């Protein structure tokens, strides 16, 4: 039997939780005060995911870079592949908020979207 201690990020409460596992399977979650905590704990110990935020270079824009993020969580193990893909990416201005700048980043099926606009330089 294995026990893991977590602090929940599912809501502002930040509950301290204990996850009990046997043979790689979650058998019990304790310490959570809501259902979101239970779901977060189970997902975090079996298949952790994260949103990635970064910047991407822009050519011909009034700004040299634009902020971006993954549209959804990606597997934690793919974060470095995602960041590497973003380091190599250069986009042309103008960039609009919500515009997909890279589809299926690192083979995750998740798109990279702009979180800020970047107009063309005059």
C-alpha atoms as a PDB file:
ATOM      1  CA  UNK A   1       0.000   0.000   0.000  1.00  0.00           C
ATOM      2  CA  UNK A   2       1.291   3.459  -0.983  1.00  0.00           C
ATOM      3  CA  UNK A   3       0.116   6.819   0.388  1.00  0.00           C
ATOM      4  CA  UNK A   4       0.667  10.168  -1.303  1.00  0.00           C
ATOM      5  CA  UNK A   5       0.050  13.584   0.218  1.00  0.00           C
ATOM      6  CA  UNK A   6      -1.349  16.337  -2.041  1.00  0.00           C
ATOM      7  CA  UNK A   7      -2.631  19.870  -1.727  1.00  0.00           C
ATOM      8  CA  UNK A   8      -5.675  20.301  -3.918  1.00  0.00           C
ATOM      9  CA  UNK A   9      -5.738  23.034  -6.583  1.00  0.00           C
ATOM     10  CA  UNK A  10      -9.310  22.254  -7.684  1.00  0.00           C
ATOM     11  CA  UNK A  11     -10.784  25.202  -5.747  1.00  0.00           C
ATOM     12  CA  UNK A  12      -9.539  27.995  -3.431  1.00  0.00           C
ATOM     13  CA  UNK A  13      -9.820  25.827  -0.275  1.00  0.00           C
ATOM     14  CA  UNK A  14      -6.431  24.115  -0.844  1.00  0.00           C
ATOM     15  CA  UNK A  15      -7.371  20.962   1.052  1.00  0.00           C
ATOM     16  CA  UNK A  16      -4.566  18.687   2.254  1.00  0.00           C
ATOM     17  CA  UNK A  17      -5.427  15.260   0.920  1.00  0.00           C
ATOM     18  CA  UNK A  18      -4.108  11.744   1.306  1.00  0.00           C
ATOM     19  CA  UNK A  19      -4.394   9.320  -1.597  1.00  0.00           C
ATOM     20  CA  UNK A  20      -4.082   5.617  -0.843  1.00  0.00           C
ATOM     21  CA  UNK A  21      -3.035   3.353  -3.706  1.00  0.00           C
ATOM     22  CA  UNK A  22      -2.624  -0.369  -4.165  1.00  0.00           C
ATOM     23  CA  UNK A  23      -0.964  -1.818  -7.266  1.00  0.00           C
ATOM     24  CA  UNK A  24      -1.188   1.520  -9.074  1.00  0.00           C
ATOM     25  CA  UNK A  25      -4.920   1.926  -8.413  1.00  0.00           C
ATOM     26  CA  UNK A  26      -6.468   4.572  -6.159  1.00  0.00           C
ATOM     27  CA  UNK A  27      -8.351   2.897  -3.322  1.00  0.00           C
ATOM     28  CA  UNK A  28      -9.150   5.937  -1.173  1.00  0.00           C
ATOM     29  CA  UNK A  29      -8.978   9.736  -1.164  1.00  0.00           C
ATOM     30  CA  UNK A  30      -9.320  11.534   2.161  1.00  0.00           C
ATOM     31  CA  UNK A  31      -9.110  15.151   3.302  1.00  0.00           C
ATOM     32  CA  UNK A  32     -11.041  16.683   0.425  1.00  0.00           C
ATOM     33  CA  UNK A  33     -14.099  18.824   1.169  1.00  0.00           C
ATOM     34  CA  UNK A  34     -15.662  18.653  -2.294  1.00  0.00           C
ATOM     35  CA  UNK A  35     -16.001  16.271  -5.250  1.00  0.00           C
ATOM     36  CA  UNK A  36     -13.560  18.297  -7.310  1.00  0.00           C
ATOM     37  CA  UNK A  37     -10.854  17.412  -4.797  1.00  0.00           C
ATOM     38  CA  UNK A  38     -11.531  13.705  -5.166  1.00  0.00           C
ATOM     39  CA  UNK A  39     -11.391  13.950  -8.973  1.00  0.00           C
ATOM     40  CA  UNK A  40      -8.221  16.083  -8.872  1.00  0.00           C
ATOM     41  CA  UNK A  41      -6.427  13.667  -6.520  1.00  0.00           C
ATOM     42  CA  UNK A  42      -7.279  10.607  -8.607  1.00  0.00           C
ATOM     43  CA  UNK A  43      -6.164  12.292 -11.824  1.00  0.00           C
ATOM     44  CA  UNK A  44      -3.000  13.764 -10.276  1.00  0.00           C
ATOM     45  CA  UNK A  45      -1.626  10.429  -9.051  1.00  0.00           C
ATOM     46  CA  UNK A  46      -2.555   8.407 -12.152  1.00  0.00           C
ATOM     47  CA  UNK A  47      -2.306  10.809 -15.112  1.00  0.00           C
ATOM     48  CA  UNK A  48      -1.190  14.353 -14.149  1.00  0.00           C
ATOM     49  CA  UNK A  49      -1.879  17.148 -16.641  1.00  0.00           C
ATOM     50  CA  UNK A  50      -1.033  20.843 -16.841  1.00  0.00           C
ATOM     51  CA  UNK A  51      -1.852  23.993 -18.816  1.00  0.00           C
ATOM     52  CA  UNK A  52       1.328  25.399 -20.390  1.00  0.00           C
ATOM     53  CA  UNK A  53       1.808  29.159 -20.735  1.00  0.00           C
ATOM     54  CA  UNK A  54       4.676  30.765 -22.606  1.00  0.00           C
ATOM     55  CA  UNK A  55       5.527  33.258 -25.345  1.00  0.00           C
ATOM     56  CA  UNK A  56       6.102  32.905 -29.080  1.00  0.00           C
ATOM     57  CA  UNK A  57       8.228  35.142 -31.319  1.00  0.00           C
ATOM     58  CA  UNK A  58       6.379  37.471 -33.700  1.00  0.00           C
ATOM     59  CA  UNK A  59       7.739  38.864 -36.965  1.00  0.00           C
ATOM     60  CA  UNK A  60       6.432  42.171 -38.271  1.00  0.00           C
ATOM     61  CA  UNK A  61       4.537  43.032 -35.113  1.00  0.00           C
ATOM     62  CA  UNK A  62       4.640  45.963 -32.721  1.00  0.00           C
ATOM     63  CA  UNK A  63       5.727  43.471 -30.055  1.00  0.00           C
ATOM     64  CA  UNK A  64       8.601  40.983 -30.410  1.00  0.00           C
ATOM     65  CA  UNK A  65       6.632  38.189 -28.677  1.00  0.00           C
ATOM     66  CA  UNK A  66       3.033  37.255 -27.913  1.00  0.00           C
ATOM     67  CA  UNK A  67       1.764  35.319 -24.895  1.00  0.00           C
ATOM     68  CA  UNK A  68       0.266  31.884 -25.568  1.00  0.00           C
ATOM     69  CA  UNK A  69      -1.180  28.892 -23.718  1.00  0.00           C
ATOM     70  CA  UNK A  70      -2.411  25.402 -24.386  1.00  0.00           C
ATOM     71  CA  UNK A  71      -6.156  25.392 -25.024  1.00  0.00           C
ATOM     72  CA  UNK A  72      -6.497  22.455 -22.605  1.00  0.00           C
ATOM     73  CA  UNK A  73      -4.373  20.484 -20.160  1.00  0.00           C
ATOM     74  CA  UNK A  74      -1.657  18.320 -21.660  1.00  0.00           C
ATOM     75  CA  UNK A  75       0.028  15.297 -20.070  1.00  0.00           C
ATOM     76  CA  UNK A  76       2.745  16.428 -17.654  1.00  0.00           C
ATOM     77  CA  UNK A  77       5.276  14.251 -19.480  1.00  0.00           C
ATOM     78  CA  UNK A  78       4.770  16.279 -22.685  1.00  0.00           C
ATOM     79  CA  UNK A  79       5.528  19.698 -21.166  1.00  0.00           C
ATOM     80  CA  UNK A  80       9.184  19.824 -22.282  1.00  0.00           C
ATOM     81  CA  UNK A  81       8.245  18.730 -25.829  1.00  0.00           C
ATOM     82  CA  UNK A  82       5.609  21.468 -25.892  1.00  0.00           C
ATOM     83  CA  UNK A  83       8.054  24.130 -24.696  1.00  0.00           C
ATOM     84  CA  UNK A  84      10.629  23.039 -27.273  1.00  0.00           C
ATOM     85  CA  UNK A  85       8.029  23.374 -30.047  1.00  0.00           C
ATOM     86  CA  UNK A  86       7.160  26.873 -28.801  1.00  0.00           C
ATOM     87  CA  UNK A  87      10.833  27.919 -28.768  1.00  0.00           C
ATOM     88  CA  UNK A  88      11.066  27.038 -32.466  1.00  0.00           C
ATOM     89  CA  UNK A  89       7.774  28.704 -33.448  1.00  0.00           C
ATOM     90  CA  UNK A  90       7.749  32.137 -35.129  1.00  0.00           C
ATOM     91  CA  UNK A  91       4.432  33.665 -36.261  1.00  0.00           C
ATOM     92  CA  UNK A  92       3.606  36.589 -38.528  1.00  0.00           C
ATOM     93  CA  UNK A  93       1.718  39.634 -37.271  1.00  0.00           C
ATOM     94  CA  UNK A  94      -1.111  40.406 -36.895  1.00  0.00           C
ATOM     95  CA  UNK A  95      -2.032  37.942 -34.151  1.00  0.00           C
ATOM     96  CA  UNK A  96      -5.527  37.897 -32.640  1.00  0.00           C
ATOM     97  CA  UNK A  97      -6.528  36.756 -29.149  1.00  0.00           C
ATOM     98  CA  UNK A  98      -7.688  33.138 -29.312  1.00  0.00           C
ATOM     99  CA  UNK A  99      -6.022  32.504 -32.672  1.00  0.00           C
ATOM    100  CA  UNK A 100      -4.599  29.000 -33.033  1.00  0.00           C
ATOM    101  CA  UNK A 101      -0.864  29.437 -33.599  1.00  0.00           C
ATOM    102  CA  UNK A 102       0.090  25.746 -33.476  1.00  0.00           C
ATOM    103  CA  UNK A 103      -2.193  22.727 -33.781  1.00  0.00           C
ATOM    104  CA  UNK A 104      -1.606  19.405 -32.029  1.00  0.00           C
ATOM    105  CA  UNK A 105       1.438  20.563 -30.067  1.00  0.00           C
ATOM    106  CA  UNK A 106       3.867  17.709 -29.348  1.00  0.00           C
ATOM    107  CA  UNK A 107       1.330  15.151 -30.585  1.00  0.00           C
ATOM    108  CA  UNK A 108      -1.078  15.890 -27.730  1.00  0.00           C
ATOM    109  CA  UNK A 109      -4.065  16.838 -29.862  1.00  0.00           C
ATOM    110  CA  UNK A 110      -4.137  20.208 -28.063  1.00  0.00           C
ATOM    111  CA  UNK A 111      -3.750  23.576 -29.804  1.00  0.00           C
ATOM    112  CA  UNK A 112      -1.596  26.544 -28.776  1.00  0.00           C
ATOM    113  CA  UNK A 113      -3.648  29.757 -28.742  1.00  0.00           C
ATOM    114  CA  UNK A 114      -2.675  33.424 -28.435  1.00  0.00           C
ATOM    115  CA  UNK A 115      -3.692  35.110 -25.181  1.00  0.00           C
ATOM    116  CA  UNK A 116      -2.894  38.598 -26.419  1.00  0.00           C
ATOM    117  CA  UNK A 117      -3.252  40.503 -29.660  1.00  0.00           C
ATOM    118  CA  UNK A 118      -0.201  41.717 -31.570  1.00  0.00           C
ATOM    119  CA  UNK A 119      -0.944  44.169 -34.402  1.00  0.00           C
ATOM    120  CA  UNK A 120       1.355  44.649 -37.349  1.00  0.00           C
ATOM    121  CA  UNK A 121       4.054  47.303 -37.072  1.00  0.00           C
ATOM    122  CA  UNK A 122       3.338  50.370 -39.143  1.00  0.00           C
END
